[in-house]
N, C-alpha and C. Protein backbone atom coordinates (compact mmCIF):
# COMPACT_ATOMS: atom_id res chain seq x y z
N MET A 1 35.80 -78.91 58.30
CA MET A 1 35.78 -78.37 56.98
C MET A 1 37.20 -78.01 56.64
N SER A 2 37.55 -78.34 55.52
CA SER A 2 38.93 -78.12 55.11
C SER A 2 39.10 -76.72 54.54
N PHE A 3 40.36 -76.38 54.47
CA PHE A 3 40.70 -75.06 54.00
C PHE A 3 40.20 -74.84 52.59
N GLU A 4 40.25 -75.79 51.75
CA GLU A 4 39.83 -75.67 50.36
C GLU A 4 38.33 -75.48 50.28
N LYS A 5 37.61 -76.17 51.18
CA LYS A 5 36.17 -76.02 51.14
C LYS A 5 35.79 -74.61 51.61
N VAL A 6 36.50 -74.10 52.63
CA VAL A 6 36.22 -72.76 53.13
C VAL A 6 36.55 -71.76 52.02
N GLU A 7 37.69 -72.02 51.42
CA GLU A 7 38.10 -71.13 50.34
C GLU A 7 37.07 -71.15 49.23
N SER A 8 36.58 -72.30 48.84
CA SER A 8 35.60 -72.45 47.78
C SER A 8 34.30 -71.77 48.17
N ALA A 9 33.91 -71.94 49.43
CA ALA A 9 32.66 -71.35 49.89
C ALA A 9 32.77 -69.82 49.86
N VAL A 10 33.92 -69.27 50.30
CA VAL A 10 34.12 -67.82 50.32
C VAL A 10 34.13 -67.28 48.90
N ILE A 11 34.82 -68.02 48.01
CA ILE A 11 34.89 -67.58 46.61
C ILE A 11 33.50 -67.64 45.99
N ALA A 12 32.73 -68.69 46.27
CA ALA A 12 31.40 -68.83 45.72
C ALA A 12 30.51 -67.70 46.24
N GLU A 13 30.67 -67.45 47.55
CA GLU A 13 29.88 -66.38 48.14
C GLU A 13 30.29 -65.03 47.55
N ALA A 14 31.59 -64.82 47.36
CA ALA A 14 32.09 -63.57 46.78
C ALA A 14 31.59 -63.42 45.34
N ARG A 15 31.59 -64.55 44.62
CA ARG A 15 31.09 -64.50 43.24
C ARG A 15 29.61 -64.15 43.24
N ALA A 16 28.85 -64.71 44.16
CA ALA A 16 27.43 -64.43 44.23
C ALA A 16 27.22 -62.94 44.56
N ASP A 17 28.01 -62.46 45.55
CA ASP A 17 27.90 -61.03 45.91
C ASP A 17 28.33 -60.15 44.75
N ALA A 18 29.40 -60.56 44.08
CA ALA A 18 29.89 -59.79 42.93
C ALA A 18 28.84 -59.79 41.83
N GLY A 19 28.18 -60.93 41.62
CA GLY A 19 27.13 -61.03 40.60
C GLY A 19 25.97 -60.11 40.95
N LYS A 20 25.60 -60.07 42.25
CA LYS A 20 24.51 -59.20 42.68
C LYS A 20 24.91 -57.73 42.48
N ILE A 21 26.16 -57.43 42.93
CA ILE A 21 26.65 -56.05 42.79
C ILE A 21 26.71 -55.66 41.32
N LEU A 22 27.19 -56.59 40.52
CA LEU A 22 27.29 -56.34 39.08
C LEU A 22 25.90 -56.17 38.47
N ALA A 23 24.93 -56.98 38.90
CA ALA A 23 23.57 -56.88 38.39
C ALA A 23 22.96 -55.53 38.77
N VAL A 24 23.18 -55.13 40.06
CA VAL A 24 22.67 -53.84 40.51
C VAL A 24 23.34 -52.72 39.72
N ALA A 25 24.67 -52.81 39.54
CA ALA A 25 25.42 -51.78 38.80
C ALA A 25 24.94 -51.72 37.35
N ARG A 26 24.71 -52.91 36.75
CA ARG A 26 24.20 -52.91 35.37
C ARG A 26 22.81 -52.28 35.31
N GLY A 27 21.98 -52.60 36.28
CA GLY A 27 20.64 -52.01 36.34
C GLY A 27 20.71 -50.48 36.47
N GLU A 28 21.59 -50.03 37.39
CA GLU A 28 21.77 -48.59 37.59
C GLU A 28 22.34 -47.94 36.33
N CYS A 29 23.25 -48.64 35.71
CA CYS A 29 23.86 -48.14 34.47
C CYS A 29 22.80 -48.04 33.38
N ASP A 30 21.96 -49.08 33.25
CA ASP A 30 20.89 -49.04 32.25
C ASP A 30 19.91 -47.90 32.53
N GLU A 31 19.56 -47.70 33.83
CA GLU A 31 18.67 -46.61 34.20
C GLU A 31 19.31 -45.25 33.87
N LEU A 32 20.60 -45.14 34.22
CA LEU A 32 21.32 -43.90 33.94
C LEU A 32 21.38 -43.63 32.43
N LEU A 33 21.68 -44.67 31.65
CA LEU A 33 21.72 -44.52 30.19
C LEU A 33 20.33 -44.14 29.64
N ALA A 34 19.29 -44.78 30.17
CA ALA A 34 17.94 -44.49 29.72
C ALA A 34 17.58 -43.03 30.06
N ARG A 35 17.93 -42.59 31.28
CA ARG A 35 17.65 -41.22 31.69
C ARG A 35 18.42 -40.20 30.82
N VAL A 36 19.71 -40.52 30.57
CA VAL A 36 20.52 -39.63 29.74
C VAL A 36 19.98 -39.61 28.31
N ARG A 37 19.59 -40.76 27.78
CA ARG A 37 19.01 -40.81 26.43
C ARG A 37 17.73 -39.96 26.37
N GLU A 38 16.87 -40.08 27.39
CA GLU A 38 15.63 -39.31 27.42
C GLU A 38 15.92 -37.81 27.52
N GLU A 39 16.87 -37.44 28.38
CA GLU A 39 17.25 -36.03 28.51
C GLU A 39 17.83 -35.51 27.19
N ASN A 40 18.66 -36.31 26.55
CA ASN A 40 19.23 -35.92 25.25
C ASN A 40 18.14 -35.78 24.19
N ARG A 41 17.17 -36.72 24.21
CA ARG A 41 16.07 -36.65 23.26
C ARG A 41 15.27 -35.37 23.47
N LYS A 42 14.96 -35.07 24.75
CA LYS A 42 14.22 -33.85 25.06
C LYS A 42 15.03 -32.61 24.68
N ALA A 43 16.32 -32.61 24.98
CA ALA A 43 17.19 -31.47 24.64
C ALA A 43 17.24 -31.28 23.13
N LEU A 44 17.32 -32.40 22.39
CA LEU A 44 17.34 -32.32 20.93
C LEU A 44 16.02 -31.76 20.41
N GLU A 45 14.90 -32.24 20.95
CA GLU A 45 13.60 -31.72 20.54
C GLU A 45 13.48 -30.23 20.85
N GLU A 46 13.95 -29.83 22.03
CA GLU A 46 13.91 -28.40 22.41
C GLU A 46 14.80 -27.58 21.49
N ALA A 47 15.98 -28.09 21.17
CA ALA A 47 16.90 -27.37 20.28
C ALA A 47 16.28 -27.24 18.88
N ILE A 48 15.64 -28.32 18.42
CA ILE A 48 14.98 -28.27 17.11
C ILE A 48 13.84 -27.25 17.15
N HIS A 49 13.05 -27.29 18.23
CA HIS A 49 11.94 -26.35 18.39
C HIS A 49 12.47 -24.90 18.41
N GLN A 50 13.53 -24.65 19.18
CA GLN A 50 14.12 -23.30 19.26
C GLN A 50 14.63 -22.85 17.89
N GLU A 51 15.28 -23.75 17.17
CA GLU A 51 15.83 -23.41 15.85
C GLU A 51 14.69 -23.14 14.86
N GLU A 52 13.63 -23.96 14.91
CA GLU A 52 12.48 -23.72 14.04
C GLU A 52 11.84 -22.36 14.35
N ALA A 53 11.71 -22.04 15.65
CA ALA A 53 11.13 -20.75 16.04
C ALA A 53 12.02 -19.60 15.58
N ALA A 54 13.34 -19.75 15.76
CA ALA A 54 14.27 -18.71 15.32
C ALA A 54 14.22 -18.55 13.80
N THR A 55 14.14 -19.68 13.09
CA THR A 55 14.04 -19.63 11.63
C THR A 55 12.74 -18.96 11.20
N ALA A 56 11.64 -19.27 11.88
CA ALA A 56 10.35 -18.65 11.56
C ALA A 56 10.41 -17.14 11.81
N ARG A 57 11.02 -16.74 12.94
CA ARG A 57 11.14 -15.30 13.23
C ARG A 57 11.99 -14.60 12.18
N GLU A 58 13.11 -15.21 11.80
CA GLU A 58 13.99 -14.61 10.80
C GLU A 58 13.30 -14.54 9.44
N THR A 59 12.55 -15.59 9.10
CA THR A 59 11.82 -15.59 7.83
C THR A 59 10.77 -14.48 7.84
N ALA A 60 10.04 -14.34 8.95
CA ALA A 60 9.03 -13.28 9.06
C ALA A 60 9.69 -11.91 8.97
N ARG A 61 10.84 -11.74 9.60
CA ARG A 61 11.56 -10.46 9.55
C ARG A 61 11.98 -10.15 8.11
N GLN A 62 12.55 -11.15 7.43
CA GLN A 62 12.99 -10.94 6.06
C GLN A 62 11.81 -10.64 5.13
N LEU A 63 10.67 -11.32 5.35
CA LEU A 63 9.48 -11.03 4.56
C LEU A 63 8.99 -9.61 4.81
N GLY A 64 9.03 -9.18 6.08
CA GLY A 64 8.63 -7.80 6.41
C GLY A 64 9.54 -6.79 5.72
N VAL A 65 10.84 -7.05 5.75
CA VAL A 65 11.79 -6.15 5.08
C VAL A 65 11.52 -6.13 3.58
N ALA A 66 11.29 -7.31 3.00
CA ALA A 66 11.02 -7.39 1.56
C ALA A 66 9.73 -6.64 1.21
N ARG A 67 8.68 -6.80 2.03
CA ARG A 67 7.43 -6.08 1.78
C ARG A 67 7.66 -4.57 1.86
N HIS A 68 8.39 -4.15 2.90
CA HIS A 68 8.69 -2.73 3.07
C HIS A 68 9.48 -2.20 1.87
N ASP A 69 10.51 -2.93 1.47
CA ASP A 69 11.31 -2.51 0.31
C ASP A 69 10.45 -2.46 -0.95
N GLY A 70 9.57 -3.44 -1.10
CA GLY A 70 8.68 -3.48 -2.25
C GLY A 70 7.74 -2.28 -2.27
N ARG A 71 7.18 -1.95 -1.09
CA ARG A 71 6.31 -0.77 -1.01
C ARG A 71 7.08 0.50 -1.35
N LEU A 72 8.33 0.60 -0.87
CA LEU A 72 9.14 1.78 -1.20
C LEU A 72 9.41 1.86 -2.70
N GLU A 73 9.67 0.73 -3.33
CA GLU A 73 9.91 0.72 -4.77
C GLU A 73 8.66 1.18 -5.53
N VAL A 74 7.50 0.69 -5.09
CA VAL A 74 6.24 1.09 -5.74
C VAL A 74 6.00 2.58 -5.52
N LEU A 75 6.24 3.05 -4.29
CA LEU A 75 6.06 4.47 -3.99
C LEU A 75 7.01 5.32 -4.84
N ASN A 76 8.26 4.89 -4.96
CA ASN A 76 9.21 5.63 -5.79
C ASN A 76 8.76 5.66 -7.25
N ALA A 77 8.25 4.54 -7.74
CA ALA A 77 7.77 4.50 -9.12
C ALA A 77 6.57 5.44 -9.30
N LYS A 78 5.66 5.45 -8.33
CA LYS A 78 4.51 6.35 -8.40
C LYS A 78 4.97 7.81 -8.38
N ASN A 79 5.93 8.11 -7.50
CA ASN A 79 6.45 9.48 -7.42
C ASN A 79 7.11 9.90 -8.73
N LEU A 80 7.79 8.96 -9.39
CA LEU A 80 8.39 9.28 -10.68
C LEU A 80 7.33 9.63 -11.72
N VAL A 81 6.21 8.90 -11.70
CA VAL A 81 5.12 9.20 -12.62
C VAL A 81 4.55 10.59 -12.33
N ILE A 82 4.31 10.87 -11.04
CA ILE A 82 3.77 12.18 -10.66
C ILE A 82 4.78 13.28 -11.00
N ASP A 83 6.07 13.04 -10.74
CA ASP A 83 7.11 14.02 -11.12
C ASP A 83 7.07 14.29 -12.62
N ASP A 84 6.91 13.23 -13.40
CA ASP A 84 6.87 13.38 -14.85
C ASP A 84 5.67 14.25 -15.26
N ILE A 85 4.53 14.04 -14.63
CA ILE A 85 3.35 14.84 -14.95
C ILE A 85 3.61 16.31 -14.64
N PHE A 86 4.16 16.59 -13.46
CA PHE A 86 4.43 17.98 -13.11
C PHE A 86 5.54 18.58 -13.96
N ASN A 87 6.50 17.78 -14.37
CA ASN A 87 7.53 18.28 -15.29
C ASN A 87 6.90 18.67 -16.63
N ARG A 88 5.94 17.88 -17.08
CA ARG A 88 5.25 18.20 -18.33
C ARG A 88 4.43 19.48 -18.19
N VAL A 89 3.74 19.63 -17.05
CA VAL A 89 2.96 20.85 -16.82
C VAL A 89 3.91 22.05 -16.80
N THR A 90 5.03 21.91 -16.11
CA THR A 90 6.02 23.00 -16.06
C THR A 90 6.51 23.34 -17.45
N GLU A 91 6.81 22.31 -18.23
CA GLU A 91 7.30 22.53 -19.59
C GLU A 91 6.23 23.21 -20.45
N LYS A 92 4.98 22.80 -20.28
CA LYS A 92 3.90 23.44 -21.05
C LYS A 92 3.76 24.92 -20.67
N LEU A 93 3.84 25.21 -19.37
CA LEU A 93 3.76 26.60 -18.93
C LEU A 93 4.92 27.42 -19.50
N ARG A 94 6.09 26.83 -19.49
CA ARG A 94 7.27 27.56 -19.97
C ARG A 94 7.34 27.66 -21.49
N SER A 95 6.59 26.81 -22.16
CA SER A 95 6.62 26.86 -23.63
C SER A 95 5.40 27.58 -24.21
N MET A 96 4.63 28.26 -23.36
CA MET A 96 3.49 29.04 -23.85
C MET A 96 4.00 30.12 -24.80
N ASN A 97 3.14 30.47 -25.75
CA ASN A 97 3.54 31.60 -26.60
C ASN A 97 3.41 32.89 -25.78
N MET A 98 3.99 33.96 -26.29
CA MET A 98 4.09 35.20 -25.55
C MET A 98 2.72 35.73 -25.13
N HIS A 99 1.73 35.65 -25.99
CA HIS A 99 0.40 36.18 -25.68
C HIS A 99 -0.28 35.37 -24.57
N GLU A 100 -0.19 34.04 -24.64
CA GLU A 100 -0.79 33.19 -23.59
C GLU A 100 -0.11 33.45 -22.25
N TYR A 101 1.20 33.52 -22.26
CA TYR A 101 1.96 33.74 -21.03
C TYR A 101 1.64 35.12 -20.44
N ARG A 102 1.54 36.15 -21.29
CA ARG A 102 1.20 37.49 -20.81
C ARG A 102 -0.20 37.47 -20.21
N ASP A 103 -1.14 36.78 -20.86
CA ASP A 103 -2.50 36.68 -20.32
C ASP A 103 -2.50 35.98 -18.95
N LEU A 104 -1.69 34.95 -18.81
CA LEU A 104 -1.59 34.24 -17.54
C LEU A 104 -1.07 35.18 -16.45
N LEU A 105 0.02 35.89 -16.75
CA LEU A 105 0.58 36.83 -15.76
C LEU A 105 -0.40 37.96 -15.45
N ASN A 106 -1.08 38.46 -16.48
CA ASN A 106 -2.08 39.51 -16.30
C ASN A 106 -3.19 39.03 -15.36
N GLY A 107 -3.64 37.80 -15.55
CA GLY A 107 -4.68 37.24 -14.67
C GLY A 107 -4.19 37.13 -13.24
N TRP A 108 -2.95 36.71 -13.05
CA TRP A 108 -2.40 36.61 -11.70
C TRP A 108 -2.28 37.99 -11.06
N ILE A 109 -1.82 38.96 -11.82
CA ILE A 109 -1.70 40.32 -11.27
C ILE A 109 -3.07 40.86 -10.89
N HIS A 110 -4.07 40.63 -11.75
CA HIS A 110 -5.41 41.12 -11.45
C HIS A 110 -6.07 40.37 -10.30
N SER A 111 -5.57 39.19 -9.96
CA SER A 111 -6.13 38.46 -8.82
C SER A 111 -5.63 39.02 -7.48
N LEU A 112 -4.60 39.86 -7.54
CA LEU A 112 -4.08 40.48 -6.31
C LEU A 112 -5.07 41.51 -5.79
N SER A 113 -5.09 41.66 -4.50
CA SER A 113 -5.92 42.70 -3.88
C SER A 113 -5.50 44.06 -4.46
N PRO A 114 -6.47 44.95 -4.72
CA PRO A 114 -6.14 46.24 -5.36
C PRO A 114 -5.19 47.11 -4.55
N GLU A 115 -5.07 46.86 -3.25
CA GLU A 115 -4.17 47.65 -2.42
C GLU A 115 -2.72 47.20 -2.51
N ILE A 116 -2.49 46.02 -3.10
CA ILE A 116 -1.12 45.50 -3.18
C ILE A 116 -0.40 46.17 -4.35
N GLY A 117 0.73 46.75 -4.05
CA GLY A 117 1.54 47.39 -5.07
C GLY A 117 2.99 47.35 -4.68
N GLY A 118 3.82 47.97 -5.46
CA GLY A 118 5.24 48.00 -5.17
C GLY A 118 6.04 47.64 -6.40
N VAL A 119 7.19 47.06 -6.19
CA VAL A 119 8.09 46.68 -7.28
C VAL A 119 7.75 45.26 -7.72
N ILE A 120 7.66 45.06 -9.02
CA ILE A 120 7.45 43.70 -9.56
C ILE A 120 8.82 43.18 -9.99
N ARG A 121 9.22 42.05 -9.42
CA ARG A 121 10.47 41.38 -9.83
C ARG A 121 10.09 40.24 -10.75
N ILE A 122 10.78 40.16 -11.89
CA ILE A 122 10.44 39.17 -12.91
C ILE A 122 11.71 38.49 -13.41
N SER A 123 11.51 37.44 -14.17
CA SER A 123 12.63 36.77 -14.84
C SER A 123 13.22 37.71 -15.89
N PRO A 124 14.53 37.72 -16.05
CA PRO A 124 15.13 38.57 -17.08
C PRO A 124 14.57 38.29 -18.48
N LYS A 125 14.16 37.07 -18.73
CA LYS A 125 13.63 36.74 -20.07
C LYS A 125 12.23 37.33 -20.30
N ASP A 126 11.58 37.78 -19.22
CA ASP A 126 10.22 38.32 -19.33
C ASP A 126 10.18 39.85 -19.40
N THR A 127 11.32 40.50 -19.46
CA THR A 127 11.32 41.98 -19.44
C THR A 127 10.53 42.56 -20.61
N GLY A 128 10.55 41.90 -21.75
CA GLY A 128 9.80 42.40 -22.91
C GLY A 128 8.30 42.35 -22.72
N LEU A 129 7.80 41.47 -21.87
CA LEU A 129 6.36 41.36 -21.62
C LEU A 129 5.84 42.51 -20.77
N PHE A 130 6.68 43.02 -19.89
CA PHE A 130 6.26 44.06 -18.95
C PHE A 130 6.66 45.45 -19.49
N ASP A 131 6.22 45.73 -20.70
CA ASP A 131 6.55 47.03 -21.29
C ASP A 131 5.68 48.13 -20.66
N ASP A 132 5.93 49.37 -21.03
CA ASP A 132 5.21 50.50 -20.43
C ASP A 132 3.71 50.42 -20.65
N ALA A 133 3.28 50.01 -21.84
CA ALA A 133 1.84 49.93 -22.13
C ALA A 133 1.17 48.88 -21.24
N PHE A 134 1.82 47.74 -21.07
CA PHE A 134 1.28 46.66 -20.22
C PHE A 134 1.16 47.16 -18.79
N MET A 135 2.20 47.81 -18.27
CA MET A 135 2.19 48.29 -16.90
C MET A 135 1.15 49.41 -16.71
N LYS A 136 0.96 50.27 -17.73
CA LYS A 136 -0.04 51.33 -17.63
C LYS A 136 -1.44 50.73 -17.54
N ARG A 137 -1.73 49.72 -18.37
CA ARG A 137 -3.06 49.06 -18.32
C ARG A 137 -3.30 48.45 -16.94
N ILE A 138 -2.28 47.82 -16.39
CA ILE A 138 -2.43 47.20 -15.05
C ILE A 138 -2.65 48.27 -14.00
N ASN A 139 -1.81 49.30 -13.98
CA ASN A 139 -1.91 50.33 -12.94
C ASN A 139 -3.20 51.13 -13.05
N ASP A 140 -3.74 51.30 -14.27
CA ASP A 140 -5.00 52.04 -14.43
C ASP A 140 -6.16 51.33 -13.73
N SER A 141 -6.07 50.02 -13.56
CA SER A 141 -7.17 49.27 -12.95
C SER A 141 -6.98 49.08 -11.44
N ARG A 142 -5.98 49.73 -10.87
CA ARG A 142 -5.67 49.52 -9.44
C ARG A 142 -5.90 50.80 -8.65
N THR A 143 -6.04 50.64 -7.35
CA THR A 143 -6.18 51.82 -6.49
C THR A 143 -4.83 52.51 -6.38
N ARG A 144 -4.89 53.73 -5.88
CA ARG A 144 -3.66 54.53 -5.82
C ARG A 144 -2.58 53.83 -4.98
N GLY A 145 -2.92 53.22 -3.86
CA GLY A 145 -1.94 52.55 -3.01
C GLY A 145 -1.47 51.22 -3.57
N GLY A 146 -2.16 50.71 -4.59
CA GLY A 146 -1.82 49.40 -5.12
C GLY A 146 -1.20 49.43 -6.50
N THR A 147 -0.54 50.52 -6.83
CA THR A 147 0.10 50.59 -8.14
C THR A 147 1.50 50.00 -8.07
N PHE A 148 1.98 49.64 -9.23
CA PHE A 148 3.32 49.06 -9.33
C PHE A 148 4.28 50.15 -9.80
N THR A 149 5.33 50.33 -9.02
CA THR A 149 6.23 51.46 -9.24
C THR A 149 7.39 51.13 -10.16
N ALA A 150 7.76 49.87 -10.26
CA ALA A 150 8.90 49.51 -11.11
C ALA A 150 8.82 48.02 -11.44
N VAL A 151 9.55 47.66 -12.48
CA VAL A 151 9.70 46.26 -12.87
C VAL A 151 11.20 45.98 -12.91
N ASN A 152 11.66 45.05 -12.07
CA ASN A 152 13.09 44.75 -11.98
C ASN A 152 13.35 43.29 -12.33
N PRO A 153 14.28 43.02 -13.24
CA PRO A 153 14.66 41.64 -13.54
C PRO A 153 15.38 41.02 -12.33
N ASP A 154 15.10 39.75 -12.10
CA ASP A 154 15.73 39.01 -10.99
C ASP A 154 16.11 37.63 -11.52
N GLY A 155 17.40 37.36 -11.60
CA GLY A 155 17.89 36.10 -12.17
C GLY A 155 17.46 34.85 -11.40
N ARG A 156 16.98 35.02 -10.17
CA ARG A 156 16.53 33.85 -9.39
C ARG A 156 15.13 33.41 -9.77
N ILE A 157 14.43 34.21 -10.57
CA ILE A 157 13.05 33.90 -10.96
C ILE A 157 13.06 33.29 -12.36
N ASN A 158 12.45 32.12 -12.49
CA ASN A 158 12.39 31.42 -13.79
C ASN A 158 11.14 31.76 -14.58
N GLY A 159 10.13 32.23 -13.92
CA GLY A 159 8.86 32.57 -14.56
C GLY A 159 7.92 33.08 -13.50
N GLY A 160 6.91 33.85 -13.92
CA GLY A 160 6.01 34.45 -12.96
C GLY A 160 6.62 35.73 -12.43
N PHE A 161 6.24 36.09 -11.20
CA PHE A 161 6.74 37.36 -10.65
C PHE A 161 6.64 37.35 -9.13
N ILE A 162 7.31 38.33 -8.54
CA ILE A 162 7.22 38.59 -7.10
C ILE A 162 6.91 40.08 -6.95
N VAL A 163 5.92 40.40 -6.12
CA VAL A 163 5.63 41.80 -5.81
C VAL A 163 6.28 42.10 -4.47
N GLN A 164 7.12 43.13 -4.47
CA GLN A 164 7.82 43.53 -3.25
C GLN A 164 7.26 44.86 -2.79
N GLY A 165 6.47 44.82 -1.71
CA GLY A 165 5.94 46.05 -1.12
C GLY A 165 6.84 46.50 0.02
N ASP A 166 6.41 47.56 0.69
CA ASP A 166 7.21 48.06 1.81
C ASP A 166 7.24 47.08 2.97
N THR A 167 6.13 46.40 3.22
CA THR A 167 6.05 45.51 4.39
C THR A 167 5.65 44.09 4.03
N TYR A 168 5.65 43.76 2.77
CA TYR A 168 5.19 42.42 2.37
C TYR A 168 5.86 41.99 1.07
N THR A 169 5.76 40.70 0.82
CA THR A 169 6.22 40.10 -0.44
C THR A 169 5.14 39.13 -0.89
N VAL A 170 4.76 39.23 -2.15
CA VAL A 170 3.77 38.31 -2.71
C VAL A 170 4.46 37.52 -3.82
N ASP A 171 4.48 36.21 -3.66
CA ASP A 171 5.22 35.34 -4.57
C ASP A 171 4.26 34.65 -5.55
N PHE A 172 4.33 35.04 -6.80
CA PHE A 172 3.57 34.40 -7.87
C PHE A 172 4.54 33.79 -8.89
N THR A 173 5.66 33.24 -8.41
CA THR A 173 6.61 32.60 -9.33
C THR A 173 6.06 31.25 -9.74
N LEU A 174 6.44 30.83 -10.95
CA LEU A 174 6.01 29.51 -11.43
C LEU A 174 6.46 28.41 -10.48
N ASP A 175 7.69 28.52 -9.99
CA ASP A 175 8.21 27.49 -9.09
C ASP A 175 7.35 27.35 -7.84
N ARG A 176 6.97 28.46 -7.22
CA ARG A 176 6.15 28.40 -6.01
C ARG A 176 4.74 27.90 -6.32
N ILE A 177 4.16 28.39 -7.39
CA ILE A 177 2.79 27.98 -7.75
C ILE A 177 2.75 26.49 -8.06
N LEU A 178 3.74 26.01 -8.81
CA LEU A 178 3.77 24.58 -9.13
C LEU A 178 4.03 23.73 -7.88
N LYS A 179 4.87 24.23 -6.98
CA LYS A 179 5.13 23.51 -5.72
C LYS A 179 3.84 23.39 -4.91
N GLU A 180 3.12 24.52 -4.78
CA GLU A 180 1.86 24.48 -4.03
C GLU A 180 0.82 23.61 -4.72
N LEU A 181 0.79 23.68 -6.03
CA LEU A 181 -0.14 22.84 -6.78
C LEU A 181 0.18 21.37 -6.55
N ARG A 182 1.43 21.04 -6.61
CA ARG A 182 1.84 19.65 -6.38
C ARG A 182 1.43 19.20 -4.98
N GLU A 183 1.72 20.05 -3.98
CA GLU A 183 1.38 19.69 -2.60
C GLU A 183 -0.12 19.52 -2.41
N SER A 184 -0.90 20.34 -3.11
CA SER A 184 -2.35 20.30 -2.89
C SER A 184 -3.04 19.19 -3.68
N ILE A 185 -2.52 18.81 -4.84
CA ILE A 185 -3.25 17.81 -5.63
C ILE A 185 -2.50 16.49 -5.82
N ALA A 186 -1.28 16.38 -5.32
CA ALA A 186 -0.51 15.14 -5.53
C ALA A 186 -1.25 13.92 -4.98
N GLY A 187 -1.87 14.05 -3.80
CA GLY A 187 -2.60 12.92 -3.22
C GLY A 187 -3.78 12.51 -4.07
N ASP A 188 -4.57 13.49 -4.52
CA ASP A 188 -5.72 13.19 -5.37
C ASP A 188 -5.28 12.62 -6.71
N LEU A 189 -4.19 13.18 -7.24
CA LEU A 189 -3.66 12.68 -8.51
C LEU A 189 -3.20 11.23 -8.38
N ALA A 190 -2.53 10.92 -7.26
CA ALA A 190 -2.07 9.54 -7.03
C ALA A 190 -3.27 8.60 -6.93
N LYS A 191 -4.33 9.02 -6.23
CA LYS A 191 -5.52 8.17 -6.13
C LYS A 191 -6.12 7.92 -7.49
N GLU A 192 -6.20 8.97 -8.28
CA GLU A 192 -6.80 8.84 -9.60
C GLU A 192 -5.94 7.95 -10.50
N LEU A 193 -4.64 8.09 -10.40
CA LEU A 193 -3.74 7.31 -11.29
C LEU A 193 -3.58 5.86 -10.86
N PHE A 194 -3.50 5.61 -9.55
CA PHE A 194 -3.02 4.31 -9.10
C PHE A 194 -4.04 3.44 -8.37
N GLU A 195 -5.17 3.99 -7.98
CA GLU A 195 -6.16 3.15 -7.30
C GLU A 195 -7.18 2.70 -8.32
N SER A 196 -7.49 1.42 -8.24
CA SER A 196 -8.45 0.88 -9.21
C SER A 196 -9.84 0.82 -8.66
């Protein structure tokens, strides 16, 4: 066998081996590409799923915040309506004529236990209502320990009165009465006004 034939045979054999190696490498490359494509597809699907879930959570959070804010706005509007009603009641009480207002105060004083007495503190604007004749009529209907000894103007009082005894204070001011009235009936008033 000549050198050229040996050379040709070796080259042919090398080409065949190279072709096999190349075929195996191409097969492995195709498998690797297919595996990477599948992993990328799965990763993309997972990323899309995660983003959709995050978007859904954020949307639900924003809806919850919007609902909460909406409820607060409605509650504030309801409170404004209730405030307006109590402001009107306050204004009506303060705009009573002198005889109606005196009758109201007289009723409150007579609702006190007969043993309660002491100094009556009133609004400076009400000093004319608590004249000597008015105080005599009140004290005549009370027990000896429950008489009122003086009437003193107090600039902190807008209406009504406070009885100051030796060991107690009884608050019949308009501000306190209206506050307690609001606290006691605001819920019922809201139900009546806003529930259908």
